[in-house]
Amino acid sequence: QVQLLESGGGLVQAGDSLRLSCGASGLTFGAHSMGWFRQAPGEEREFVAVISANGVTQYYADLVKGRFTISRDNAKNTLYLQMNNLKSEDTAVYYCAAGRTTIYITYRNQASYNHWGQGTQVTVSS
């Protein structure tokens, strides 16, 4: 079975950095585009970033562009999200998700992804 496991979340101060990881098993990791989503309390789950199967193409939500970097290591079956200059508005549960091999034009939508992790909490204090 497919399993995605996020890690690296925690409590940090505004302006600090965190690196999230998502370890994948049960799927051909290198054959999937991978995305990060987040959900703050009382809000809808929102798109954060996506990366193509080979890592060449990346797209970001406007709110994180320039601060977050998505990357992957296919040899380690691991997806990463480097988060710099964190703001209180970044506080949320962060989820990784596996999509199709190619990034569809609907990459911002949750329905474009087949598998999801359980999430890791990121809390940014001001």
Protein backbone atom coordinates (compact mmCIF):
# COMPACT_ATOMS: atom_id res chain seq x y z
CA GLN A 1 0.00 0.00 0.00
CA VAL A 2 1.03 3.56 -0.58
CA GLN A 3 2.29 5.49 2.40
CA LEU A 4 3.37 9.11 2.61
CA LEU A 5 4.84 10.26 5.90
CA GLU A 6 5.54 13.91 6.60
CA SER A 7 8.06 15.02 9.19
CA GLY A 8 9.98 18.10 10.23
CA GLY A 9 7.18 20.27 11.52
CA GLY A 10 7.38 22.10 14.80
CA LEU A 11 7.12 25.38 16.63
CA VAL A 12 9.30 28.19 15.34
CA GLN A 13 9.53 31.94 15.54
CA ALA A 14 8.57 34.28 12.73
CA GLY A 15 11.49 34.74 10.38
CA ASP A 16 12.89 31.32 11.13
CA SER A 17 13.18 28.36 8.77
CA LEU A 18 12.01 24.77 8.66
CA ARG A 19 12.57 21.89 6.31
CA LEU A 20 9.74 19.43 5.90
CA SER A 21 10.28 15.94 4.54
CA CYS A 22 7.89 13.44 3.07
CA GLY A 23 9.04 9.85 2.82
CA ALA A 24 7.18 7.71 0.32
CA SER A 25 6.74 3.98 0.06
CA GLY A 26 4.52 1.60 -1.85
CA LEU A 27 4.73 3.51 -5.10
CA THR A 28 7.20 4.25 -7.84
CA PHE A 29 8.18 7.59 -6.38
CA GLY A 30 10.06 8.80 -9.43
CA ALA A 31 6.96 8.33 -11.58
CA HIS A 32 4.84 10.82 -9.64
CA SER A 33 4.62 14.53 -9.46
CA MET A 34 4.47 15.54 -5.81
CA GLY A 35 2.75 18.40 -4.07
CA TRP A 36 2.56 20.15 -0.74
CA PHE A 37 -0.72 21.48 0.64
CA ARG A 38 -1.55 23.10 3.94
CA GLN A 39 -4.62 23.66 6.05
CA ALA A 40 -4.97 26.24 8.78
CA PRO A 41 -7.65 25.98 11.46
CA GLY A 42 -11.04 26.93 10.10
CA GLU A 43 -9.77 27.25 6.55
CA GLU A 44 -9.79 25.17 3.41
CA ARG A 45 -6.82 23.10 2.42
CA GLU A 46 -4.74 25.14 0.02
CA PHE A 47 -2.05 24.45 -2.51
CA VAL A 48 1.52 25.31 -1.58
CA ALA A 49 3.86 23.85 -4.19
CA VAL A 50 4.25 21.05 -6.72
CA ILE A 51 7.22 19.44 -8.40
CA SER A 52 7.38 17.27 -11.50
CA ALA A 53 8.44 13.65 -11.34
CA ASN A 54 11.97 14.44 -12.50
CA GLY A 55 12.23 17.56 -10.34
CA VAL A 56 12.74 19.94 -13.23
CA THR A 57 9.45 21.84 -13.03
CA GLN A 58 8.14 23.54 -9.90
CA TYR A 59 5.15 25.77 -9.22
CA TYR A 60 4.32 27.72 -6.09
CA ALA A 61 1.40 29.46 -4.54
CA ASP A 62 1.81 33.23 -4.63
CA LEU A 63 1.87 33.50 -0.86
CA VAL A 64 4.96 31.33 -0.54
CA LYS A 65 6.81 32.20 -3.72
CA GLY A 66 10.32 33.36 -2.96
CA ARG A 67 10.25 31.92 0.55
CA PHE A 68 9.58 28.21 0.03
CA THR A 69 11.46 25.75 -2.14
CA ILE A 70 10.16 22.34 -3.13
CA SER A 71 12.64 19.63 -4.04
CA ARG A 72 12.93 15.88 -4.19
CA ASP A 73 15.46 13.09 -4.01
CA ASN A 74 14.13 10.22 -6.05
CA ALA A 75 16.93 7.92 -4.94
CA LYS A 76 15.71 8.37 -1.37
CA ASN A 77 11.99 8.41 -2.20
CA THR A 78 11.75 11.69 -0.36
CA LEU A 79 10.08 15.02 -1.02
CA TYR A 80 11.17 18.21 0.73
CA LEU A 81 9.82 21.65 1.43
CA GLN A 82 12.33 24.22 2.57
CA MET A 83 10.47 27.06 4.28
CA ASN A 84 12.35 30.29 4.93
CA ASN A 85 11.27 33.55 6.50
CA LEU A 86 8.26 31.90 8.05
CA LYS A 87 5.31 34.06 8.97
CA SER A 88 2.49 33.50 11.41
CA GLU A 89 0.19 33.07 8.41
CA ASP A 90 2.15 29.92 7.50
CA THR A 91 0.83 28.16 10.58
CA ALA A 92 -1.00 25.08 9.35
CA VAL A 93 -0.90 21.35 9.00
CA TYR A 94 1.23 20.57 5.97
CA TYR A 95 0.42 17.58 3.77
CA CYS A 96 2.34 15.94 0.99
CA ALA A 97 0.49 14.36 -1.90
CA ALA A 98 1.32 12.19 -4.89
CA GLY A 99 -0.06 13.04 -8.31
CA ARG A 100 0.34 11.79 -11.83
CA THR A 101 3.64 11.64 -13.67
CA THR A 102 3.03 14.96 -15.37
CA ILE A 103 1.85 18.11 -13.64
CA TYR A 104 -1.67 18.80 -14.82
CA ILE A 105 -3.03 22.30 -15.28
CA THR A 106 -5.24 21.53 -12.30
CA TYR A 107 -2.26 21.10 -9.98
CA ARG A 108 -3.72 23.57 -7.48
CA ASN A 109 -6.69 21.29 -6.88
CA GLN A 110 -6.66 18.48 -4.37
CA ALA A 111 -8.45 16.23 -6.85
CA SER A 112 -5.31 16.10 -8.98
CA TYR A 113 -3.56 13.98 -6.35
CA ASN A 114 -4.13 10.32 -5.63
CA HIS A 115 -2.44 9.77 -2.27
CA TRP A 116 -2.02 11.87 0.84
CA GLY A 117 0.02 11.81 4.00
CA GLN A 118 -1.29 12.44 7.49
CA GLY A 119 0.25 15.86 7.79
CA THR A 120 2.74 17.58 10.04
CA GLN A 121 2.01 20.62 12.17
CA VAL A 122 3.90 23.84 11.58
CA THR A 123 3.34 26.60 14.10
CA VAL A 124 4.94 30.01 13.67
CA SER A 125 4.86 32.39 16.59
CA SER A 126 5.13 36.13 16.12
